[in-house]
Amino acid sequence: MSPFLEDKIVLWKLELPKRLLASVIIVLAAKLSASVLIYYLLNVGAVGTFWTGNNILLHSQNQIFLLNTIKTDRWLNVFLGWDSAWYLSILTKGYSFSSQSYSFFPGFPLFGGLFNLFFGDPVVSLVFCSLFFGVLWVPVYQLVAEFYMSKKAALLSALLFALSPYVFLFTTIAYSEGILLFFVLTSWFFFKKGKVAFASALACFAALSRVVGILIILPMLIETLKSKSPHRHRNILLICLPILSFFVWLAYGQVTANDWLALIHTTEWKDLYSFQEC
């Protein structure tokens, strides 16, 4: 390798963390600042708020939620709203506590459980898991964007996307959007780098995060079919592995609920959303 090329590689490695760190710091600071602001504006620490209002004990996921959150700092409640109660209930009780629980894919509860091995508290684990992936997907997006635009434009694009209202909200609270974005983006990044097997493995986690996660295999298949690679047929088989992981999730529903389509065969959802306004 020429000295010039070695110097370029060294400079790139030094620049990579620096330019990615900027987006991570900005987004993390925004999330934490917003959480403190919401905590005081909504008076989350008081009784009788959105988190402790009337009628929430009518549903099992909310009962489980309250049994767990009563042991932790009230500030963490800022990150736990609406369907977060379902994820917390699945993490602590499994899927059998309610037929509606199968609508929520296992990726987020699975990684929340891994965090729980370290923290030993399901609420803290779920919050830190969502924050971890809710920030980590941003530099990955930035790297992916650099395939299509300049580094400066990629940074700006990452910040605009991460700080847009809906994305910012649902990658901050304990929802699966952060994990979904992380695995979809990382799988596409490694696919573009030619690491098809690794990309497919990451896409399996995307497919287990939300139902739309499996769609990442479509652009992979299109790109592979258009390529002239001698390994094209092998790559097509690898790319289809997320379909198998999705099938495993369906099989789990069959084994535990006697229903291959337990994720959609639920009872009426009206009035079952967690923590409705009182």
C-alpha atoms as a PDB file:
ATOM      1  CA  MET A   1       0.000   0.000   0.000  1.00  0.00           C
ATOM      2  CA  SER A   2       1.353   3.417  -0.930  1.00  0.00           C
ATOM      3  CA  PRO A   3       2.222   5.926   1.833  1.00  0.00           C
ATOM      4  CA  PHE A   4      -0.297   8.375   0.320  1.00  0.00           C
ATOM      5  CA  LEU A   5      -3.111   5.827   0.583  1.00  0.00           C
ATOM      6  CA  GLU A   6      -2.108   4.947   4.147  1.00  0.00           C
ATOM      7  CA  ASP A   7      -2.257   8.625   5.098  1.00  0.00           C
ATOM      8  CA  LYS A   8      -5.738   8.940   3.567  1.00  0.00           C
ATOM      9  CA  ILE A   9      -6.977   5.931   5.548  1.00  0.00           C
ATOM     10  CA  VAL A  10      -5.568   7.326   8.799  1.00  0.00           C
ATOM     11  CA  LEU A  11      -7.186  10.715   8.158  1.00  0.00           C
ATOM     12  CA  TRP A  12     -10.531   9.056   7.357  1.00  0.00           C
ATOM     13  CA  LYS A  13     -10.442   7.028  10.569  1.00  0.00           C
ATOM     14  CA  LEU A  14      -9.722  10.179  12.575  1.00  0.00           C
ATOM     15  CA  GLU A  15     -12.427  12.140  10.808  1.00  0.00           C
ATOM     16  CA  LEU A  16     -15.089   9.429  11.025  1.00  0.00           C
ATOM     17  CA  PRO A  17     -15.744   9.524  14.807  1.00  0.00           C
ATOM     18  CA  LYS A  18     -15.457  13.320  14.859  1.00  0.00           C
ATOM     19  CA  ARG A  19     -18.039  14.010  12.181  1.00  0.00           C
ATOM     20  CA  LEU A  20     -20.412  11.338  13.516  1.00  0.00           C
ATOM     21  CA  LEU A  21     -19.981  12.428  17.111  1.00  0.00           C
ATOM     22  CA  ALA A  22     -21.406  15.855  16.298  1.00  0.00           C
ATOM     23  CA  SER A  23     -24.781  14.447  15.238  1.00  0.00           C
ATOM     24  CA  VAL A  24     -24.873  12.067  18.231  1.00  0.00           C
ATOM     25  CA  ILE A  25     -24.196  14.855  20.743  1.00  0.00           C
ATOM     26  CA  ILE A  26     -26.731  17.225  19.200  1.00  0.00           C
ATOM     27  CA  VAL A  27     -29.545  14.648  19.047  1.00  0.00           C
ATOM     28  CA  LEU A  28     -28.842  13.219  22.515  1.00  0.00           C
ATOM     29  CA  ALA A  29     -28.719  16.721  24.027  1.00  0.00           C
ATOM     30  CA  ALA A  30     -32.035  17.561  22.336  1.00  0.00           C
ATOM     31  CA  LYS A  31     -33.694  14.408  23.695  1.00  0.00           C
ATOM     32  CA  LEU A  32     -32.506  14.923  27.256  1.00  0.00           C
ATOM     33  CA  SER A  33     -33.316  18.642  27.243  1.00  0.00           C
ATOM     34  CA  ALA A  34     -36.805  17.971  25.880  1.00  0.00           C
ATOM     35  CA  SER A  35     -37.414  15.285  28.512  1.00  0.00           C
ATOM     36  CA  VAL A  36     -36.545  17.687  31.341  1.00  0.00           C
ATOM     37  CA  LEU A  37     -38.758  20.370  29.800  1.00  0.00           C
ATOM     38  CA  ILE A  38     -41.709  17.984  29.423  1.00  0.00           C
ATOM     39  CA  TYR A  39     -41.200  16.674  32.955  1.00  0.00           C
ATOM     40  CA  TYR A  40     -41.701  20.111  34.463  1.00  0.00           C
ATOM     41  CA  LEU A  41     -44.280  21.430  31.998  1.00  0.00           C
ATOM     42  CA  LEU A  42     -46.574  18.421  32.481  1.00  0.00           C
ATOM     43  CA  ASN A  43     -45.738  18.032  36.158  1.00  0.00           C
ATOM     44  CA  VAL A  44     -44.979  14.363  35.626  1.00  0.00           C
ATOM     45  CA  GLY A  45     -43.816  13.973  39.216  1.00  0.00           C
ATOM     46  CA  ALA A  46     -47.303  14.705  40.560  1.00  0.00           C
ATOM     47  CA  VAL A  47     -50.217  12.338  41.062  1.00  0.00           C
ATOM     48  CA  GLY A  48     -53.253  12.664  38.775  1.00  0.00           C
ATOM     49  CA  THR A  49     -51.343  13.334  35.582  1.00  0.00           C
ATOM     50  CA  PHE A  50     -51.476  11.592  32.212  1.00  0.00           C
ATOM     51  CA  TRP A  51     -49.502   8.694  33.728  1.00  0.00           C
ATOM     52  CA  THR A  52     -51.640   8.187  36.832  1.00  0.00           C
ATOM     53  CA  GLY A  53     -55.089   9.411  35.807  1.00  0.00           C
ATOM     54  CA  ASN A  54     -58.469   7.732  36.000  1.00  0.00           C
ATOM     55  CA  ASN A  55     -59.405   4.516  34.184  1.00  0.00           C
ATOM     56  CA  ILE A  56     -55.861   3.359  33.448  1.00  0.00           C
ATOM     57  CA  LEU A  57     -56.246   0.354  35.755  1.00  0.00           C
ATOM     58  CA  LEU A  58     -58.967  -1.062  33.519  1.00  0.00           C
ATOM     59  CA  HIS A  59     -56.341  -2.716  31.302  1.00  0.00           C
ATOM     60  CA  SER A  60     -53.774  -5.315  32.281  1.00  0.00           C
ATOM     61  CA  GLN A  61     -50.830  -3.651  30.529  1.00  0.00           C
ATOM     62  CA  ASN A  62     -51.379  -0.485  32.552  1.00  0.00           C
ATOM     63  CA  GLN A  63     -51.573  -2.414  35.814  1.00  0.00           C
ATOM     64  CA  ILE A  64     -48.225  -4.036  35.028  1.00  0.00           C
ATOM     65  CA  PHE A  65     -46.856  -0.635  34.041  1.00  0.00           C
ATOM     66  CA  LEU A  66     -47.775   0.933  37.389  1.00  0.00           C
ATOM     67  CA  LEU A  67     -46.413  -1.994  39.393  1.00  0.00           C
ATOM     68  CA  ASN A  68     -43.026  -1.457  37.740  1.00  0.00           C
ATOM     69  CA  THR A  69     -42.842   2.330  37.508  1.00  0.00           C
ATOM     70  CA  ILE A  70     -43.738   2.837  41.168  1.00  0.00           C
ATOM     71  CA  LYS A  71     -40.240   1.565  42.015  1.00  0.00           C
ATOM     72  CA  THR A  72     -38.310   3.935  39.746  1.00  0.00           C
ATOM     73  CA  ASP A  73     -37.637   7.648  39.387  1.00  0.00           C
ATOM     74  CA  ARG A  74     -40.617   9.623  38.078  1.00  0.00           C
ATOM     75  CA  TRP A  75     -38.439  11.339  35.465  1.00  0.00           C
ATOM     76  CA  LEU A  76     -38.262   8.060  33.553  1.00  0.00           C
ATOM     77  CA  ASN A  77     -42.031   8.216  33.025  1.00  0.00           C
ATOM     78  CA  VAL A  78     -41.430  10.932  30.436  1.00  0.00           C
ATOM     79  CA  PHE A  79     -40.085   8.192  28.162  1.00  0.00           C
ATOM     80  CA  LEU A  80     -42.950   5.770  28.868  1.00  0.00           C
ATOM     81  CA  GLY A  81     -46.238   6.661  27.244  1.00  0.00           C
ATOM     82  CA  TRP A  82     -49.031   4.991  25.297  1.00  0.00           C
ATOM     83  CA  ASP A  83     -47.829   1.649  23.918  1.00  0.00           C
ATOM     84  CA  SER A  84     -44.727   1.689  26.094  1.00  0.00           C
ATOM     85  CA  ALA A  85     -46.900  -0.052  28.671  1.00  0.00           C
ATOM     86  CA  TRP A  86     -47.311  -2.977  26.257  1.00  0.00           C
ATOM     87  CA  TYR A  87     -43.580  -3.305  25.708  1.00  0.00           C
ATOM     88  CA  LEU A  88     -42.899  -3.104  29.443  1.00  0.00           C
ATOM     89  CA  SER A  89     -45.560  -5.747  30.100  1.00  0.00           C
ATOM     90  CA  ILE A  90     -44.128  -8.059  27.444  1.00  0.00           C
ATOM     91  CA  LEU A  91     -40.642  -7.603  28.883  1.00  0.00           C
ATOM     92  CA  THR A  92     -41.772  -8.508  32.407  1.00  0.00           C
ATOM     93  CA  LYS A  93     -44.652 -10.948  31.798  1.00  0.00           C
ATOM     94  CA  GLY A  94     -44.100 -12.350  28.315  1.00  0.00           C
ATOM     95  CA  TYR A  95     -46.678 -12.403  25.539  1.00  0.00           C
ATOM     96  CA  SER A  96     -49.218 -14.622  27.284  1.00  0.00           C
ATOM     97  CA  PHE A  97     -50.642 -11.882  29.532  1.00  0.00           C
ATOM     98  CA  SER A  98     -52.886 -10.567  26.708  1.00  0.00           C
ATOM     99  CA  SER A  99     -53.936 -11.649  23.214  1.00  0.00           C
ATOM    100  CA  GLN A 100     -53.291  -8.085  22.038  1.00  0.00           C
ATOM    101  CA  SER A 101     -49.607  -8.349  22.974  1.00  0.00           C
ATOM    102  CA  TYR A 102     -48.804 -10.333  19.797  1.00  0.00           C
ATOM    103  CA  SER A 103     -49.333  -7.165  17.772  1.00  0.00           C
ATOM    104  CA  PHE A 104     -46.018  -5.941  19.181  1.00  0.00           C
ATOM    105  CA  PHE A 105     -42.995  -7.531  17.566  1.00  0.00           C
ATOM    106  CA  PRO A 106     -40.305  -9.095  19.801  1.00  0.00           C
ATOM    107  CA  GLY A 107     -37.248  -7.048  18.775  1.00  0.00           C
ATOM    108  CA  PHE A 108     -37.649  -4.225  21.284  1.00  0.00           C
ATOM    109  CA  PRO A 109     -38.599  -6.459  24.259  1.00  0.00           C
ATOM    110  CA  LEU A 110     -35.704  -8.776  23.352  1.00  0.00           C
ATOM    111  CA  PHE A 111     -33.077  -6.033  23.443  1.00  0.00           C
ATOM    112  CA  GLY A 112     -34.763  -4.498  26.480  1.00  0.00           C
ATOM    113  CA  GLY A 113     -34.248  -7.858  28.170  1.00  0.00           C
ATOM    114  CA  LEU A 114     -30.548  -7.768  27.293  1.00  0.00           C
ATOM    115  CA  PHE A 115     -30.265  -4.325  28.882  1.00  0.00           C
ATOM    116  CA  ASN A 116     -32.120  -5.696  31.890  1.00  0.00           C
ATOM    117  CA  LEU A 117     -29.338  -8.241  32.445  1.00  0.00           C
ATOM    118  CA  PHE A 118     -27.135  -5.261  33.235  1.00  0.00           C
ATOM    119  CA  PHE A 119     -29.531  -2.830  34.940  1.00  0.00           C
ATOM    120  CA  GLY A 120     -31.766  -5.327  36.727  1.00  0.00           C
ATOM    121  CA  ASP A 121     -34.740  -2.960  36.387  1.00  0.00           C
ATOM    122  CA  PRO A 122     -37.183  -3.367  33.472  1.00  0.00           C
ATOM    123  CA  VAL A 123     -38.205   0.315  33.408  1.00  0.00           C
ATOM    124  CA  VAL A 124     -34.637   1.613  33.390  1.00  0.00           C
ATOM    125  CA  SER A 125     -33.669  -1.047  30.855  1.00  0.00           C
ATOM    126  CA  LEU A 126     -36.479  -0.203  28.445  1.00  0.00           C
ATOM    127  CA  VAL A 127     -35.787   3.540  28.668  1.00  0.00           C
ATOM    128  CA  PHE A 128     -32.041   3.177  28.155  1.00  0.00           C
ATOM    129  CA  CYS A 129     -32.578   0.672  25.341  1.00  0.00           C
ATOM    130  CA  SER A 130     -34.875   3.069  23.482  1.00  0.00           C
ATOM    131  CA  LEU A 131     -32.501   5.995  24.046  1.00  0.00           C
ATOM    132  CA  PHE A 132     -29.479   3.955  22.970  1.00  0.00           C
ATOM    133  CA  PHE A 133     -30.977   2.885  19.661  1.00  0.00           C
ATOM    134  CA  GLY A 134     -32.906   6.158  19.371  1.00  0.00           C
ATOM    135  CA  VAL A 135     -29.576   7.970  19.111  1.00  0.00           C
ATOM    136  CA  LEU A 136     -27.373   5.298  17.529  1.00  0.00           C
ATOM    137  CA  TRP A 137     -29.383   5.154  14.310  1.00  0.00           C
ATOM    138  CA  VAL A 138     -28.516   8.822  13.584  1.00  0.00           C
ATOM    139  CA  PRO A 139     -24.796   8.345  12.729  1.00  0.00           C
ATOM    140  CA  VAL A 140     -25.725   5.229  10.757  1.00  0.00           C
ATOM    141  CA  TYR A 141     -28.176   7.293   8.737  1.00  0.00           C
ATOM    142  CA  GLN A 142     -25.405   9.832   8.248  1.00  0.00           C
ATOM    143  CA  LEU A 143     -23.056   7.141   6.886  1.00  0.00           C
ATOM    144  CA  VAL A 144     -25.752   5.848   4.544  1.00  0.00           C
ATOM    145  CA  ALA A 145     -26.504   9.378   3.339  1.00  0.00           C
ATOM    146  CA  GLU A 146     -22.828   9.817   2.463  1.00  0.00           C
ATOM    147  CA  PHE A 147     -23.303   7.224  -0.292  1.00  0.00           C
ATOM    148  CA  TYR A 148     -25.566   9.733  -2.034  1.00  0.00           C
ATOM    149  CA  MET A 149     -24.354  13.209  -1.027  1.00  0.00           C
ATOM    150  CA  SER A 150     -21.476  15.133   0.495  1.00  0.00           C
ATOM    151  CA  LYS A 151     -20.455  14.641   4.132  1.00  0.00           C
ATOM    152  CA  LYS A 152     -21.704  18.091   5.094  1.00  0.00           C
ATOM    153  CA  ALA A 153     -25.059  17.508   3.409  1.00  0.00           C
ATOM    154  CA  ALA A 154     -25.303  14.066   5.035  1.00  0.00           C
ATOM    155  CA  LEU A 155     -24.815  15.592   8.490  1.00  0.00           C
ATOM    156  CA  LEU A 156     -27.479  18.213   7.817  1.00  0.00           C
ATOM    157  CA  SER A 157     -29.851  15.579   6.440  1.00  0.00           C
ATOM    158  CA  ALA A 158     -29.337  13.374   9.505  1.00  0.00           C
ATOM    159  CA  LEU A 159     -30.085  16.237  11.886  1.00  0.00           C
ATOM    160  CA  LEU A 160     -33.150  17.403   9.955  1.00  0.00           C
ATOM    161  CA  PHE A 161     -34.560  13.873   9.928  1.00  0.00           C
ATOM    162  CA  ALA A 162     -33.703  13.072  13.556  1.00  0.00           C
ATOM    163  CA  LEU A 163     -35.131  16.359  14.873  1.00  0.00           C
ATOM    164  CA  SER A 164     -38.317  16.287  12.796  1.00  0.00           C
ATOM    165  CA  PRO A 165     -41.267  16.081  15.230  1.00  0.00           C
ATOM    166  CA  TYR A 166     -42.612  12.571  14.601  1.00  0.00           C
ATOM    167  CA  VAL A 167     -39.206  10.915  14.284  1.00  0.00           C
ATOM    168  CA  PHE A 168     -37.891  12.782  17.324  1.00  0.00           C
ATOM    169  CA  LEU A 169     -40.867  11.754  19.469  1.00  0.00           C
ATOM    170  CA  PHE A 170     -41.080   8.097  18.519  1.00  0.00           C
ATOM    171  CA  THR A 171     -37.343   7.490  18.714  1.00  0.00           C
ATOM    172  CA  THR A 172     -37.251   9.070  22.181  1.00  0.00           C
ATOM    173  CA  ILE A 173     -40.076   7.345  24.023  1.00  0.00           C
ATOM    174  CA  ALA A 174     -39.960   3.588  24.622  1.00  0.00           C
ATOM    175  CA  TYR A 175     -41.156   2.477  21.198  1.00  0.00           C
ATOM    176  CA  SER A 176     -39.559   0.196  18.618  1.00  0.00           C
ATOM    177  CA  GLU A 177     -38.939   2.904  15.985  1.00  0.00           C
ATOM    178  CA  GLY A 178     -35.347   3.505  17.107  1.00  0.00           C
ATOM    179  CA  ILE A 179     -34.429  -0.173  16.850  1.00  0.00           C
ATOM    180  CA  LEU A 180     -36.227  -0.458  13.510  1.00  0.00           C
ATOM    181  CA  LEU A 181     -34.316   2.491  12.032  1.00  0.00           C
ATOM    182  CA  PHE A 182     -31.005   1.219  13.390  1.00  0.00           C
ATOM    183  CA  PHE A 183     -31.291  -2.260  11.894  1.00  0.00           C
ATOM    184  CA  VAL A 184     -32.803  -1.136   8.596  1.00  0.00           C
ATOM    185  CA  LEU A 185     -30.060   1.448   8.103  1.00  0.00           C
ATOM    186  CA  THR A 186     -27.187  -0.777   9.238  1.00  0.00           C
ATOM    187  CA  SER A 187     -28.362  -3.605   7.007  1.00  0.00           C
ATOM    188  CA  TRP A 188     -28.469  -1.258   4.004  1.00  0.00           C
ATOM    189  CA  PHE A 189     -25.088   0.227   4.905  1.00  0.00           C
ATOM    190  CA  PHE A 190     -23.358  -3.160   4.994  1.00  0.00           C
ATOM    191  CA  PHE A 191     -25.196  -4.278   1.871  1.00  0.00           C
ATOM    192  CA  LYS A 192     -23.789  -1.255   0.039  1.00  0.00           C
ATOM    193  CA  LYS A 193     -20.376  -2.225   1.382  1.00  0.00           C
ATOM    194  CA  GLY A 194     -20.762  -5.682  -0.149  1.00  0.00           C
ATOM    195  CA  LYS A 195     -21.201  -7.510   3.187  1.00  0.00           C
ATOM    196  CA  VAL A 196     -24.375  -9.283   2.120  1.00  0.00           C
ATOM    197  CA  ALA A 197     -24.391 -12.011   4.778  1.00  0.00           C
ATOM    198  CA  PHE A 198     -23.943  -9.518   7.597  1.00  0.00           C
ATOM    199  CA  ALA A 199     -26.527  -7.191   6.044  1.00  0.00           C
ATOM    200  CA  SER A 200     -29.016 -10.052   5.878  1.00  0.00           C
ATOM    201  CA  ALA A 201     -28.433 -10.943   9.536  1.00  0.00           C
ATOM    202  CA  LEU A 202     -29.134  -7.344  10.528  1.00  0.00           C
ATOM    203  CA  ALA A 203     -32.234  -7.331   8.310  1.00  0.00           C
ATOM    204  CA  CYS A 204     -33.512 -10.316  10.318  1.00  0.00           C
ATOM    205  CA  PHE A 205     -33.567  -8.091  13.404  1.00  0.00           C
ATOM    206  CA  ALA A 206     -35.308  -5.372  11.390  1.00  0.00           C
ATOM    207  CA  ALA A 207     -38.015  -7.870  10.432  1.00  0.00           C
ATOM    208  CA  LEU A 208     -38.461  -8.755  14.116  1.00  0.00           C
ATOM    209  CA  SER A 209     -38.696  -5.101  15.179  1.00  0.00           C
ATOM    210  CA  ARG A 210     -41.786  -4.076  13.210  1.00  0.00           C
ATOM    211  CA  VAL A 211     -43.703  -5.642  10.357  1.00  0.00           C
ATOM    212  CA  VAL A 212     -42.389  -3.045   7.888  1.00  0.00           C
ATOM    213  CA  GLY A 213     -38.815  -4.014   8.738  1.00  0.00           C
ATOM    214  CA  ILE A 214     -38.910  -6.919   6.318  1.00  0.00           C
ATOM    215  CA  LEU A 215     -39.335  -4.492   3.399  1.00  0.00           C
ATOM    216  CA  ILE A 216     -35.601  -3.720   3.496  1.00  0.00           C
ATOM    217  CA  ILE A 217     -35.030  -6.924   1.518  1.00  0.00           C
ATOM    218  CA  LEU A 218     -36.811  -5.434  -1.526  1.00  0.00           C
ATOM    219  CA  PRO A 219     -34.136  -2.855  -2.477  1.00  0.00           C
ATOM    220  CA  MET A 220     -31.493  -5.470  -1.654  1.00  0.00           C
ATOM    221  CA  LEU A 221     -33.080  -7.942  -4.054  1.00  0.00           C
ATOM    222  CA  ILE A 222     -33.475  -5.299  -6.771  1.00  0.00           C
ATOM    223  CA  GLU A 223     -29.825  -4.250  -6.475  1.00  0.00           C
ATOM    224  CA  THR A 224     -28.677  -7.876  -6.478  1.00  0.00           C
ATOM    225  CA  LEU A 225     -30.755  -8.817  -9.527  1.00  0.00           C
ATOM    226  CA  LYS A 226     -29.310  -5.841 -11.399  1.00  0.00           C
ATOM    227  CA  SER A 227     -25.732  -6.741 -10.478  1.00  0.00           C
ATOM    228  CA  LYS A 228     -23.320  -8.881 -12.488  1.00  0.00           C
ATOM    229  CA  SER A 229     -21.813 -10.502  -9.400  1.00  0.00           C
ATOM    230  CA  PRO A 230     -20.828 -14.179  -9.778  1.00  0.00           C
ATOM    231  CA  HIS A 231     -22.280 -14.691  -6.273  1.00  0.00           C
ATOM    232  CA  ARG A 232     -25.661 -13.262  -7.242  1.00  0.00           C
ATOM    233  CA  HIS A 233     -27.663 -16.447  -6.611  1.00  0.00           C
ATOM    234  CA  ARG A 234     -26.011 -17.033  -3.250  1.00  0.00           C
ATOM    235  CA  ASN A 235     -26.696 -13.419  -2.278  1.00  0.00           C
ATOM    236  CA  ILE A 236     -30.370 -13.746  -3.216  1.00  0.00           C
ATOM    237  CA  LEU A 237     -30.690 -16.702  -0.846  1.00  0.00           C
ATOM    238  CA  LEU A 238     -28.947 -14.769   1.938  1.00  0.00           C
ATOM    239  CA  ILE A 239     -31.164 -11.735   1.427  1.00  0.00           C
ATOM    240  CA  CYS A 240     -34.256 -13.903   1.860  1.00  0.00           C
ATOM    241  CA  LEU A 241     -33.207 -14.985   5.384  1.00  0.00           C
ATOM    242  CA  PRO A 242     -35.336 -12.246   7.047  1.00  0.00           C
ATOM    243  CA  ILE A 243     -38.386 -14.014   5.627  1.00  0.00           C
ATOM    244  CA  LEU A 244     -37.362 -17.028   7.702  1.00  0.00           C
ATOM    245  CA  SER A 245     -37.036 -14.903  10.847  1.00  0.00           C
ATOM    246  CA  PHE A 246     -40.499 -13.462  10.191  1.00  0.00           C
ATOM    247  CA  PHE A 247     -41.827 -17.023   9.813  1.00  0.00           C
ATOM    248  CA  VAL A 248     -40.250 -17.946  13.168  1.00  0.00           C
ATOM    249  CA  TRP A 249     -42.243 -15.125  14.769  1.00  0.00           C
ATOM    250  CA  LEU A 250     -45.441 -16.460  13.191  1.00  0.00           C
ATOM    251  CA  ALA A 251     -44.552 -19.947  14.451  1.00  0.00           C
ATOM    252  CA  TYR A 252     -44.126 -18.555  17.956  1.00  0.00           C
ATOM    253  CA  GLY A 253     -47.703 -17.282  17.791  1.00  0.00           C
ATOM    254  CA  GLN A 254     -48.855 -20.728  16.697  1.00  0.00           C
ATOM    255  CA  VAL A 255     -47.013 -22.460  19.551  1.00  0.00           C
ATOM    256  CA  THR A 256     -48.048 -20.060  22.323  1.00  0.00           C
ATOM    257  CA  ALA A 257     -51.462 -18.844  21.137  1.00  0.00           C
ATOM    258  CA  ASN A 258     -52.454 -21.580  18.681  1.00  0.00           C
ATOM    259  CA  ASP A 259     -52.691 -19.000  15.922  1.00  0.00           C
ATOM    260  CA  TRP A 260     -50.272 -18.523  13.027  1.00  0.00           C
ATOM    261  CA  LEU A 261     -51.561 -14.973  12.602  1.00  0.00           C
ATOM    262  CA  ALA A 262     -51.767 -14.011  16.260  1.00  0.00           C
ATOM    263  CA  LEU A 263     -50.177 -10.660  15.431  1.00  0.00           C
ATOM    264  CA  ILE A 264     -53.311  -9.589  13.536  1.00  0.00           C
ATOM    265  CA  HIS A 265     -56.041 -11.815  15.003  1.00  0.00           C
ATOM    266  CA  THR A 266     -56.645  -9.679  18.066  1.00  0.00           C
ATOM    267  CA  THR A 267     -59.887  -8.522  19.599  1.00  0.00           C
ATOM    268  CA  GLU A 268     -61.296  -5.033  19.158  1.00  0.00           C
ATOM    269  CA  TRP A 269     -58.662  -2.388  19.943  1.00  0.00           C
ATOM    270  CA  LYS A 270     -61.111   0.373  20.820  1.00  0.00           C
ATOM    271  CA  ASP A 271     -60.376   1.788  24.308  1.00  0.00           C
ATOM    272  CA  LEU A 272     -57.344  -0.487  24.666  1.00  0.00           C
ATOM    273  CA  TYR A 273     -54.675   2.122  23.950  1.00  0.00           C
ATOM    274  CA  SER A 274     -52.514   2.754  26.968  1.00  0.00           C
ATOM    275  CA  PHE A 275     -52.946   5.881  29.057  1.00  0.00           C
ATOM    276  CA  GLN A 276     -55.713   7.718  27.318  1.00  0.00           C
ATOM    277  CA  GLU A 277     -56.284  11.302  28.310  1.00  0.00           C
ATOM    278  CA  CYS A 278     -58.658  11.609  31.204  1.00  0.00           C
END
